[in-house]
mmCIF file of all heavy atoms, coordinates in Angstrom:
data_MODEL
# 
_entry.id   MODEL 
# 
loop_
_atom_site.group_PDB 
_atom_site.id 
_atom_site.type_symbol 
_atom_site.label_atom_id 
_atom_site.label_alt_id 
_atom_site.label_comp_id 
_atom_site.label_asym_id 
_atom_site.label_entity_id 
_atom_site.label_seq_id 
_atom_site.pdbx_PDB_ins_code 
_atom_site.Cartn_x 
_atom_site.Cartn_y 
_atom_site.Cartn_z 
_atom_site.occupancy 
_atom_site.B_iso_or_equiv 
_atom_site.pdbx_formal_charge 
_atom_site.auth_seq_id 
_atom_site.auth_comp_id 
_atom_site.auth_asym_id 
_atom_site.auth_atom_id 
_atom_site.pdbx_PDB_model_num 
ATOM 1   N N   . LEU A 1 1  ? -36.254 48.694 2.402  1.00 0.00 ? 1  LEU A N   1 
ATOM 2   C CA  . LEU A 1 1  ? -35.301 47.587 2.327  1.00 0.00 ? 1  LEU A CA  1 
ATOM 3   C C   . LEU A 1 1  ? -33.980 48.063 1.731  1.00 0.00 ? 1  LEU A C   1 
ATOM 4   O O   . LEU A 1 1  ? -32.900 47.673 2.197  1.00 0.00 ? 1  LEU A O   1 
ATOM 5   C CB  . LEU A 1 1  ? -35.891 46.456 1.478  1.00 0.00 ? 1  LEU A CB  1 
ATOM 6   C CG  . LEU A 1 1  ? -35.052 45.179 1.365  1.00 0.00 ? 1  LEU A CG  1 
ATOM 7   C CD1 . LEU A 1 1  ? -34.835 44.557 2.741  1.00 0.00 ? 1  LEU A CD1 1 
ATOM 8   C CD2 . LEU A 1 1  ? -35.748 44.187 0.428  1.00 0.00 ? 1  LEU A CD2 1 
ATOM 9   N N   . ARG A 1 2  ? -34.072 48.930 0.714  1.00 0.00 ? 2  ARG A N   1 
ATOM 10  C CA  . ARG A 1 2  ? -32.863 49.453 0.095  1.00 0.00 ? 2  ARG A CA  1 
ATOM 11  C C   . ARG A 1 2  ? -32.059 50.283 1.086  1.00 0.00 ? 2  ARG A C   1 
ATOM 12  O O   . ARG A 1 2  ? -30.830 50.169 1.187  1.00 0.00 ? 2  ARG A O   1 
ATOM 13  C CB  . ARG A 1 2  ? -33.237 50.300 -1.121 1.00 0.00 ? 2  ARG A CB  1 
ATOM 14  C CG  . ARG A 1 2  ? -32.046 50.818 -1.908 1.00 0.00 ? 2  ARG A CG  1 
ATOM 15  C CD  . ARG A 1 2  ? -32.476 51.577 -3.167 1.00 0.00 ? 2  ARG A CD  1 
ATOM 16  N NE  . ARG A 1 2  ? -33.265 52.757 -2.848 1.00 0.00 ? 2  ARG A NE  1 
ATOM 17  C CZ  . ARG A 1 2  ? -34.546 52.914 -3.125 1.00 0.00 ? 2  ARG A CZ  1 
ATOM 18  N NH1 . ARG A 1 2  ? -35.218 51.925 -3.712 1.00 0.00 ? 2  ARG A NH1 1 
ATOM 19  N NH2 . ARG A 1 2  ? -35.190 54.033 -2.828 1.00 0.00 ? 2  ARG A NH2 1 
ATOM 20  N N   . HIS A 1 3  ? -32.746 51.128 1.839  1.00 0.00 ? 3  HIS A N   1 
ATOM 21  C CA  . HIS A 1 3  ? -32.066 51.961 2.834  1.00 0.00 ? 3  HIS A CA  1 
ATOM 22  C C   . HIS A 1 3  ? -31.459 51.109 3.941  1.00 0.00 ? 3  HIS A C   1 
ATOM 23  O O   . HIS A 1 3  ? -30.361 51.385 4.415  1.00 0.00 ? 3  HIS A O   1 
ATOM 24  C CB  . HIS A 1 3  ? -33.043 52.974 3.423  1.00 0.00 ? 3  HIS A CB  1 
ATOM 25  C CG  . HIS A 1 3  ? -33.507 53.992 2.427  1.00 0.00 ? 3  HIS A CG  1 
ATOM 26  N ND1 . HIS A 1 3  ? -34.552 54.857 2.682  1.00 0.00 ? 3  HIS A ND1 1 
ATOM 27  C CD2 . HIS A 1 3  ? -33.061 54.289 1.174  1.00 0.00 ? 3  HIS A CD2 1 
ATOM 28  C CE1 . HIS A 1 3  ? -34.748 55.626 1.620  1.00 0.00 ? 3  HIS A CE1 1 
ATOM 29  N NE2 . HIS A 1 3  ? -33.853 55.311 0.708  1.00 0.00 ? 3  HIS A NE2 1 
ATOM 30  N N   . ALA A 1 4  ? -32.184 50.061 4.351  1.00 0.00 ? 4  ALA A N   1 
ATOM 31  C CA  . ALA A 1 4  ? -31.656 49.162 5.382  1.00 0.00 ? 4  ALA A CA  1 
ATOM 32  C C   . ALA A 1 4  ? -30.396 48.465 4.886  1.00 0.00 ? 4  ALA A C   1 
ATOM 33  O O   . ALA A 1 4  ? -29.426 48.297 5.639  1.00 0.00 ? 4  ALA A O   1 
ATOM 34  C CB  . ALA A 1 4  ? -32.709 48.141 5.783  1.00 0.00 ? 4  ALA A CB  1 
ATOM 35  N N   . GLY A 1 5  ? -30.380 48.092 3.608  1.00 0.00 ? 5  GLY A N   1 
ATOM 36  C CA  . GLY A 1 5  ? -29.197 47.445 3.045  1.00 0.00 ? 5  GLY A CA  1 
ATOM 37  C C   . GLY A 1 5  ? -27.993 48.365 3.046  1.00 0.00 ? 5  GLY A C   1 
ATOM 38  O O   . GLY A 1 5  ? -26.881 47.957 3.402  1.00 0.00 ? 5  GLY A O   1 
ATOM 39  N N   . MET A 1 6  ? -28.201 49.631 2.656  1.00 0.00 ? 6  MET A N   1 
ATOM 40  C CA  . MET A 1 6  ? -27.093 50.579 2.677  1.00 0.00 ? 6  MET A CA  1 
ATOM 41  C C   . MET A 1 6  ? -26.594 50.825 4.092  1.00 0.00 ? 6  MET A C   1 
ATOM 42  O O   . MET A 1 6  ? -25.390 50.940 4.330  1.00 0.00 ? 6  MET A O   1 
ATOM 43  C CB  . MET A 1 6  ? -27.530 51.905 2.035  1.00 0.00 ? 6  MET A CB  1 
ATOM 44  C CG  . MET A 1 6  ? -27.606 51.855 0.526  1.00 0.00 ? 6  MET A CG  1 
ATOM 45  S SD  . MET A 1 6  ? -27.867 53.489 -0.220 1.00 0.00 ? 6  MET A SD  1 
ATOM 46  C CE  . MET A 1 6  ? -29.587 53.762 0.204  1.00 0.00 ? 6  MET A CE  1 
ATOM 47  N N   . THR A 1 7  ? -27.528 50.888 5.054  1.00 0.00 ? 7  THR A N   1 
ATOM 48  C CA  . THR A 1 7  ? -27.138 51.104 6.440  1.00 0.00 ? 7  THR A CA  1 
ATOM 49  C C   . THR A 1 7  ? -26.294 49.944 6.956  1.00 0.00 ? 7  THR A C   1 
ATOM 50  O O   . THR A 1 7  ? -25.291 50.147 7.655  1.00 0.00 ? 7  THR A O   1 
ATOM 51  C CB  . THR A 1 7  ? -28.383 51.285 7.326  1.00 0.00 ? 7  THR A CB  1 
ATOM 52  O OG1 . THR A 1 7  ? -29.139 52.416 6.851  1.00 0.00 ? 7  THR A OG1 1 
ATOM 53  C CG2 . THR A 1 7  ? -27.987 51.515 8.772  1.00 0.00 ? 7  THR A CG2 1 
ATOM 54  N N   . VAL A 1 8  ? -26.682 48.718 6.601  1.00 0.00 ? 8  VAL A N   1 
ATOM 55  C CA  . VAL A 1 8  ? -25.915 47.541 7.029  1.00 0.00 ? 8  VAL A CA  1 
ATOM 56  C C   . VAL A 1 8  ? -24.509 47.583 6.429  1.00 0.00 ? 8  VAL A C   1 
ATOM 57  O O   . VAL A 1 8  ? -23.513 47.336 7.122  1.00 0.00 ? 8  VAL A O   1 
ATOM 58  C CB  . VAL A 1 8  ? -26.644 46.245 6.622  1.00 0.00 ? 8  VAL A CB  1 
ATOM 59  C CG1 . VAL A 1 8  ? -25.736 45.031 6.815  1.00 0.00 ? 8  VAL A CG1 1 
ATOM 60  C CG2 . VAL A 1 8  ? -27.921 46.077 7.422  1.00 0.00 ? 8  VAL A CG2 1 
ATOM 61  N N   . VAL A 1 9  ? -24.425 47.910 5.134  1.00 0.00 ? 9  VAL A N   1 
ATOM 62  C CA  . VAL A 1 9  ? -23.112 48.014 4.492  1.00 0.00 ? 9  VAL A CA  1 
ATOM 63  C C   . VAL A 1 9  ? -22.266 49.084 5.183  1.00 0.00 ? 9  VAL A C   1 
ATOM 64  O O   . VAL A 1 9  ? -21.083 48.882 5.470  1.00 0.00 ? 9  VAL A O   1 
ATOM 65  C CB  . VAL A 1 9  ? -23.269 48.338 2.993  1.00 0.00 ? 9  VAL A CB  1 
ATOM 66  C CG1 . VAL A 1 9  ? -21.908 48.666 2.371  1.00 0.00 ? 9  VAL A CG1 1 
ATOM 67  C CG2 . VAL A 1 9  ? -23.891 47.156 2.256  1.00 0.00 ? 9  VAL A CG2 1 
ATOM 68  N N   . GLY A 1 10 ? -22.884 50.240 5.467  1.00 0.00 ? 10 GLY A N   1 
ATOM 69  C CA  . GLY A 1 10 ? -22.160 51.313 6.128  1.00 0.00 ? 10 GLY A CA  1 
ATOM 70  C C   . GLY A 1 10 ? -21.682 50.935 7.509  1.00 0.00 ? 10 GLY A C   1 
ATOM 71  O O   . GLY A 1 10 ? -20.557 51.258 7.905  1.00 0.00 ? 10 GLY A O   1 
ATOM 72  N N   . LEU A 1 11 ? -22.538 50.249 8.263  1.00 0.00 ? 11 LEU A N   1 
ATOM 73  C CA  . LEU A 1 11 ? -22.156 49.809 9.613  1.00 0.00 ? 11 LEU A CA  1 
ATOM 74  C C   . LEU A 1 11 ? -20.994 48.829 9.563  1.00 0.00 ? 11 LEU A C   1 
ATOM 75  O O   . LEU A 1 11 ? -20.045 48.925 10.356 1.00 0.00 ? 11 LEU A O   1 
ATOM 76  C CB  . LEU A 1 11 ? -23.352 49.183 10.321 1.00 0.00 ? 11 LEU A CB  1 
ATOM 77  C CG  . LEU A 1 11 ? -24.402 50.140 10.871 1.00 0.00 ? 11 LEU A CG  1 
ATOM 78  C CD1 . LEU A 1 11 ? -25.613 49.366 11.382 1.00 0.00 ? 11 LEU A CD1 1 
ATOM 79  C CD2 . LEU A 1 11 ? -23.823 51.004 11.990 1.00 0.00 ? 11 LEU A CD2 1 
ATOM 80  N N   . ILE A 1 12 ? -21.048 47.885 8.633  1.00 0.00 ? 12 ILE A N   1 
ATOM 81  C CA  . ILE A 1 12 ? -19.968 46.900 8.511  1.00 0.00 ? 12 ILE A CA  1 
ATOM 82  C C   . ILE A 1 12 ? -18.653 47.602 8.155  1.00 0.00 ? 12 ILE A C   1 
ATOM 83  O O   . ILE A 1 12 ? -17.600 47.326 8.753  1.00 0.00 ? 12 ILE A O   1 
ATOM 84  C CB  . ILE A 1 12 ? -20.319 45.839 7.450  1.00 0.00 ? 12 ILE A CB  1 
ATOM 85  C CG1 . ILE A 1 12 ? -21.488 44.958 7.945  1.00 0.00 ? 12 ILE A CG1 1 
ATOM 86  C CG2 . ILE A 1 12 ? -19.103 44.964 7.139  1.00 0.00 ? 12 ILE A CG2 1 
ATOM 87  C CD1 . ILE A 1 12 ? -22.007 43.988 6.902  1.00 0.00 ? 12 ILE A CD1 1 
ATOM 88  N N   . MET A 1 13 ? -18.714 48.532 7.185  1.00 0.00 ? 13 MET A N   1 
ATOM 89  C CA  . MET A 1 13 ? -17.503 49.221 6.746  1.00 0.00 ? 13 MET A CA  1 
ATOM 90  C C   . MET A 1 13 ? -16.945 50.157 7.815  1.00 0.00 ? 13 MET A C   1 
ATOM 91  O O   . MET A 1 13 ? -15.758 50.489 7.794  1.00 0.00 ? 13 MET A O   1 
ATOM 92  C CB  . MET A 1 13 ? -17.791 50.018 5.469  1.00 0.00 ? 13 MET A CB  1 
ATOM 93  C CG  . MET A 1 13 ? -18.076 49.160 4.255  1.00 0.00 ? 13 MET A CG  1 
ATOM 94  S SD  . MET A 1 13 ? -18.413 50.151 2.754  1.00 0.00 ? 13 MET A SD  1 
ATOM 95  C CE  . MET A 1 13 ? -16.794 50.870 2.458  1.00 0.00 ? 13 MET A CE  1 
ATOM 96  N N   . THR A 1 14 ? -17.796 50.599 8.749  1.00 0.00 ? 14 THR A N   1 
ATOM 97  C CA  . THR A 1 14 ? -17.332 51.480 9.818  1.00 0.00 ? 14 THR A CA  1 
ATOM 98  C C   . THR A 1 14 ? -16.873 50.702 11.038 1.00 0.00 ? 14 THR A C   1 
ATOM 99  O O   . THR A 1 14 ? -15.876 51.064 11.678 1.00 0.00 ? 14 THR A O   1 
ATOM 100 C CB  . THR A 1 14 ? -18.454 52.460 10.220 1.00 0.00 ? 14 THR A CB  1 
ATOM 101 O OG1 . THR A 1 14 ? -18.885 53.187 9.056  1.00 0.00 ? 14 THR A OG1 1 
ATOM 102 C CG2 . THR A 1 14 ? -17.957 53.459 11.264 1.00 0.00 ? 14 THR A CG2 1 
ATOM 103 N N   . LEU A 1 15 ? -17.568 49.623 11.356 1.00 0.00 ? 15 LEU A N   1 
ATOM 104 C CA  . LEU A 1 15 ? -17.235 48.855 12.554 1.00 0.00 ? 15 LEU A CA  1 
ATOM 105 C C   . LEU A 1 15 ? -15.995 47.985 12.360 1.00 0.00 ? 15 LEU A C   1 
ATOM 106 O O   . LEU A 1 15 ? -15.204 47.820 13.297 1.00 0.00 ? 15 LEU A O   1 
ATOM 107 C CB  . LEU A 1 15 ? -18.422 47.989 12.960 1.00 0.00 ? 15 LEU A CB  1 
ATOM 108 C CG  . LEU A 1 15 ? -19.638 48.739 13.522 1.00 0.00 ? 15 LEU A CG  1 
ATOM 109 C CD1 . LEU A 1 15 ? -20.784 47.770 13.809 1.00 0.00 ? 15 LEU A CD1 1 
ATOM 110 C CD2 . LEU A 1 15 ? -19.272 49.500 14.791 1.00 0.00 ? 15 LEU A CD2 1 
ATOM 111 N N   . LEU A 1 16 ? -15.806 47.420 11.175 1.00 0.00 ? 16 LEU A N   1 
ATOM 112 C CA  . LEU A 1 16 ? -14.638 46.566 10.954 1.00 0.00 ? 16 LEU A CA  1 
ATOM 113 C C   . LEU A 1 16 ? -13.327 47.304 11.229 1.00 0.00 ? 16 LEU A C   1 
ATOM 114 O O   . LEU A 1 16 ? -12.438 46.752 11.889 1.00 0.00 ? 16 LEU A O   1 
ATOM 115 C CB  . LEU A 1 16 ? -14.650 46.002 9.530  1.00 0.00 ? 16 LEU A CB  1 
ATOM 116 C CG  . LEU A 1 16 ? -15.540 44.782 9.281  1.00 0.00 ? 16 LEU A CG  1 
ATOM 117 C CD1 . LEU A 1 16 ? -15.512 44.379 7.818  1.00 0.00 ? 16 LEU A CD1 1 
ATOM 118 C CD2 . LEU A 1 16 ? -15.110 43.603 10.157 1.00 0.00 ? 16 LEU A CD2 1 
ATOM 119 N N   . PRO A 1 17 ? -13.151 48.542 10.758 1.00 0.00 ? 17 PRO A N   1 
ATOM 120 C CA  . PRO A 1 17 ? -11.905 49.251 11.090 1.00 0.00 ? 17 PRO A CA  1 
ATOM 121 C C   . PRO A 1 17 ? -11.756 49.523 12.584 1.00 0.00 ? 17 PRO A C   1 
ATOM 122 O O   . PRO A 1 17 ? -10.621 49.554 13.086 1.00 0.00 ? 17 PRO A O   1 
ATOM 123 C CB  . PRO A 1 17 ? -12.034 50.569 10.310 1.00 0.00 ? 17 PRO A CB  1 
ATOM 124 C CG  . PRO A 1 17 ? -12.992 50.289 9.217  1.00 0.00 ? 17 PRO A CG  1 
ATOM 125 C CD  . PRO A 1 17 ? -13.961 49.305 9.785  1.00 0.00 ? 17 PRO A CD  1 
ATOM 126 N N   . LEU A 1 18 ? -12.864 49.741 13.290 1.00 0.00 ? 18 LEU A N   1 
ATOM 127 C CA  . LEU A 1 18 ? -12.770 49.994 14.724 1.00 0.00 ? 18 LEU A CA  1 
ATOM 128 C C   . LEU A 1 18 ? -12.445 48.716 15.490 1.00 0.00 ? 18 LEU A C   1 
ATOM 129 O O   . LEU A 1 18 ? -11.749 48.755 16.510 1.00 0.00 ? 18 LEU A O   1 
ATOM 130 C CB  . LEU A 1 18 ? -14.083 50.595 15.226 1.00 0.00 ? 18 LEU A CB  1 
ATOM 131 C CG  . LEU A 1 18 ? -14.442 51.967 14.637 1.00 0.00 ? 18 LEU A CG  1 
ATOM 132 C CD1 . LEU A 1 18 ? -15.792 52.436 15.163 1.00 0.00 ? 18 LEU A CD1 1 
ATOM 133 C CD2 . LEU A 1 18 ? -13.358 52.999 14.943 1.00 0.00 ? 18 LEU A CD2 1 
ATOM 134 N N   . LEU A 1 19 ? -12.924 47.587 14.999 1.00 0.00 ? 19 LEU A N   1 
ATOM 135 C CA  . LEU A 1 19 ? -12.650 46.311 15.664 1.00 0.00 ? 19 LEU A CA  1 
ATOM 136 C C   . LEU A 1 19 ? -11.282 45.762 15.270 1.00 0.00 ? 19 LEU A C   1 
ATOM 137 O O   . LEU A 1 19 ? -10.553 45.218 16.108 1.00 0.00 ? 19 LEU A O   1 
ATOM 138 C CB  . LEU A 1 19 ? -13.738 45.293 15.311 1.00 0.00 ? 19 LEU A CB  1 
ATOM 139 C CG  . LEU A 1 19 ? -15.140 45.605 15.828 1.00 0.00 ? 19 LEU A CG  1 
ATOM 140 C CD1 . LEU A 1 19 ? -16.154 44.615 15.260 1.00 0.00 ? 19 LEU A CD1 1 
ATOM 141 C CD2 . LEU A 1 19 ? -15.178 45.583 17.352 1.00 0.00 ? 19 LEU A CD2 1 
ATOM 142 N N   . PHE A 1 20 ? -10.930 45.901 13.998 1.00 0.00 ? 20 PHE A N   1 
ATOM 143 C CA  . PHE A 1 20 ? -9.659  45.368 13.483 1.00 0.00 ? 20 PHE A CA  1 
ATOM 144 C C   . PHE A 1 20 ? -8.958  46.457 12.669 1.00 0.00 ? 20 PHE A C   1 
ATOM 145 O O   . PHE A 1 20 ? -8.876  46.375 11.432 1.00 0.00 ? 20 PHE A O   1 
ATOM 146 C CB  . PHE A 1 20 ? -9.921  44.135 12.605 1.00 0.00 ? 20 PHE A CB  1 
ATOM 147 C CG  . PHE A 1 20 ? -10.781 43.094 13.259 1.00 0.00 ? 20 PHE A CG  1 
ATOM 148 C CD1 . PHE A 1 20 ? -12.123 42.972 12.913 1.00 0.00 ? 20 PHE A CD1 1 
ATOM 149 C CD2 . PHE A 1 20 ? -10.262 42.241 14.228 1.00 0.00 ? 20 PHE A CD2 1 
ATOM 150 C CE1 . PHE A 1 20 ? -12.925 42.018 13.500 1.00 0.00 ? 20 PHE A CE1 1 
ATOM 151 C CE2 . PHE A 1 20 ? -11.055 41.272 14.821 1.00 0.00 ? 20 PHE A CE2 1 
ATOM 152 C CZ  . PHE A 1 20 ? -12.387 41.166 14.468 1.00 0.00 ? 20 PHE A CZ  1 
ATOM 153 N N   . PRO A 1 21 ? -8.462  47.483 13.346 1.00 0.00 ? 21 PRO A N   1 
ATOM 154 C CA  . PRO A 1 21 ? -7.907  48.639 12.617 1.00 0.00 ? 21 PRO A CA  1 
ATOM 155 C C   . PRO A 1 21 ? -6.714  48.298 11.746 1.00 0.00 ? 21 PRO A C   1 
ATOM 156 O O   . PRO A 1 21 ? -6.506  48.958 10.718 1.00 0.00 ? 21 PRO A O   1 
ATOM 157 C CB  . PRO A 1 21 ? -7.528  49.606 13.736 1.00 0.00 ? 21 PRO A CB  1 
ATOM 158 C CG  . PRO A 1 21 ? -7.390  48.764 14.967 1.00 0.00 ? 21 PRO A CG  1 
ATOM 159 C CD  . PRO A 1 21 ? -8.383  47.662 14.812 1.00 0.00 ? 21 PRO A CD  1 
ATOM 160 N N   . ARG A 1 22 ? -5.945  47.304 12.117 1.00 0.00 ? 22 ARG A N   1 
ATOM 161 C CA  . ARG A 1 22 ? -4.743  46.989 11.343 1.00 0.00 ? 22 ARG A CA  1 
ATOM 162 C C   . ARG A 1 22 ? -5.084  46.562 9.921  1.00 0.00 ? 22 ARG A C   1 
ATOM 163 O O   . ARG A 1 22 ? -4.370  46.914 8.970  1.00 0.00 ? 22 ARG A O   1 
ATOM 164 C CB  . ARG A 1 22 ? -3.935  45.887 12.034 1.00 0.00 ? 22 ARG A CB  1 
ATOM 165 C CG  . ARG A 1 22 ? -2.720  45.432 11.238 1.00 0.00 ? 22 ARG A CG  1 
ATOM 166 C CD  . ARG A 1 22 ? -1.856  44.448 12.000 1.00 0.00 ? 22 ARG A CD  1 
ATOM 167 N NE  . ARG A 1 22 ? -0.760  43.962 11.177 1.00 0.00 ? 22 ARG A NE  1 
ATOM 168 C CZ  . ARG A 1 22 ? 0.363   44.635 10.945 1.00 0.00 ? 22 ARG A CZ  1 
ATOM 169 N NH1 . ARG A 1 22 ? 0.533   45.824 11.477 1.00 0.00 ? 22 ARG A NH1 1 
ATOM 170 N NH2 . ARG A 1 22 ? 1.308   44.122 10.176 1.00 0.00 ? 22 ARG A NH2 1 
ATOM 171 N N   . TRP A 1 23 ? -6.189  45.831 9.752  1.00 0.00 ? 23 TRP A N   1 
ATOM 172 C CA  . TRP A 1 23 ? -6.511  45.259 8.462  1.00 0.00 ? 23 TRP A CA  1 
ATOM 173 C C   . TRP A 1 23 ? -7.566  46.042 7.685  1.00 0.00 ? 23 TRP A C   1 
ATOM 174 O O   . TRP A 1 23 ? -7.571  46.029 6.460  1.00 0.00 ? 23 TRP A O   1 
ATOM 175 C CB  . TRP A 1 23 ? -6.986  43.810 8.648  1.00 0.00 ? 23 TRP A CB  1 
ATOM 176 C CG  . TRP A 1 23 ? -5.967  42.972 9.335  1.00 0.00 ? 23 TRP A CG  1 
ATOM 177 C CD1 . TRP A 1 23 ? -6.011  42.479 10.606 1.00 0.00 ? 23 TRP A CD1 1 
ATOM 178 C CD2 . TRP A 1 23 ? -4.715  42.546 8.805  1.00 0.00 ? 23 TRP A CD2 1 
ATOM 179 N NE1 . TRP A 1 23 ? -4.883  41.775 10.907 1.00 0.00 ? 23 TRP A NE1 1 
ATOM 180 C CE2 . TRP A 1 23 ? -4.054  41.796 9.810  1.00 0.00 ? 23 TRP A CE2 1 
ATOM 181 C CE3 . TRP A 1 23 ? -4.077  42.723 7.578  1.00 0.00 ? 23 TRP A CE3 1 
ATOM 182 C CZ2 . TRP A 1 23 ? -2.807  41.239 9.624  1.00 0.00 ? 23 TRP A CZ2 1 
ATOM 183 C CZ3 . TRP A 1 23 ? -2.835  42.159 7.386  1.00 0.00 ? 23 TRP A CZ3 1 
ATOM 184 C CH2 . TRP A 1 23 ? -2.208  41.425 8.404  1.00 0.00 ? 23 TRP A CH2 1 
ATOM 185 N N   . PHE A 1 24 ? -8.464  46.712 8.370  1.00 0.00 ? 24 PHE A N   1 
ATOM 186 C CA  . PHE A 1 24 ? -9.624  47.292 7.686  1.00 0.00 ? 24 PHE A CA  1 
ATOM 187 C C   . PHE A 1 24 ? -9.688  48.816 7.760  1.00 0.00 ? 24 PHE A C   1 
ATOM 188 O O   . PHE A 1 24 ? -10.718 49.397 7.431  1.00 0.00 ? 24 PHE A O   1 
ATOM 189 C CB  . PHE A 1 24 ? -10.910 46.699 8.270  1.00 0.00 ? 24 PHE A CB  1 
ATOM 190 C CG  . PHE A 1 24 ? -11.055 45.219 8.047  1.00 0.00 ? 24 PHE A CG  1 
ATOM 191 C CD1 . PHE A 1 24 ? -10.844 44.325 9.088  1.00 0.00 ? 24 PHE A CD1 1 
ATOM 192 C CD2 . PHE A 1 24 ? -11.388 44.724 6.800  1.00 0.00 ? 24 PHE A CD2 1 
ATOM 193 C CE1 . PHE A 1 24 ? -10.971 42.960 8.887  1.00 0.00 ? 24 PHE A CE1 1 
ATOM 194 C CE2 . PHE A 1 24 ? -11.516 43.365 6.588  1.00 0.00 ? 24 PHE A CE2 1 
ATOM 195 C CZ  . PHE A 1 24 ? -11.309 42.470 7.635  1.00 0.00 ? 24 PHE A CZ  1 
# 
């Protein structure tokens, strides 16, 4: 569960800049 949580955080922090590069 801990590893899954870190993976979710990492995915969010990586995908947001790719989807909205101007802001993230």
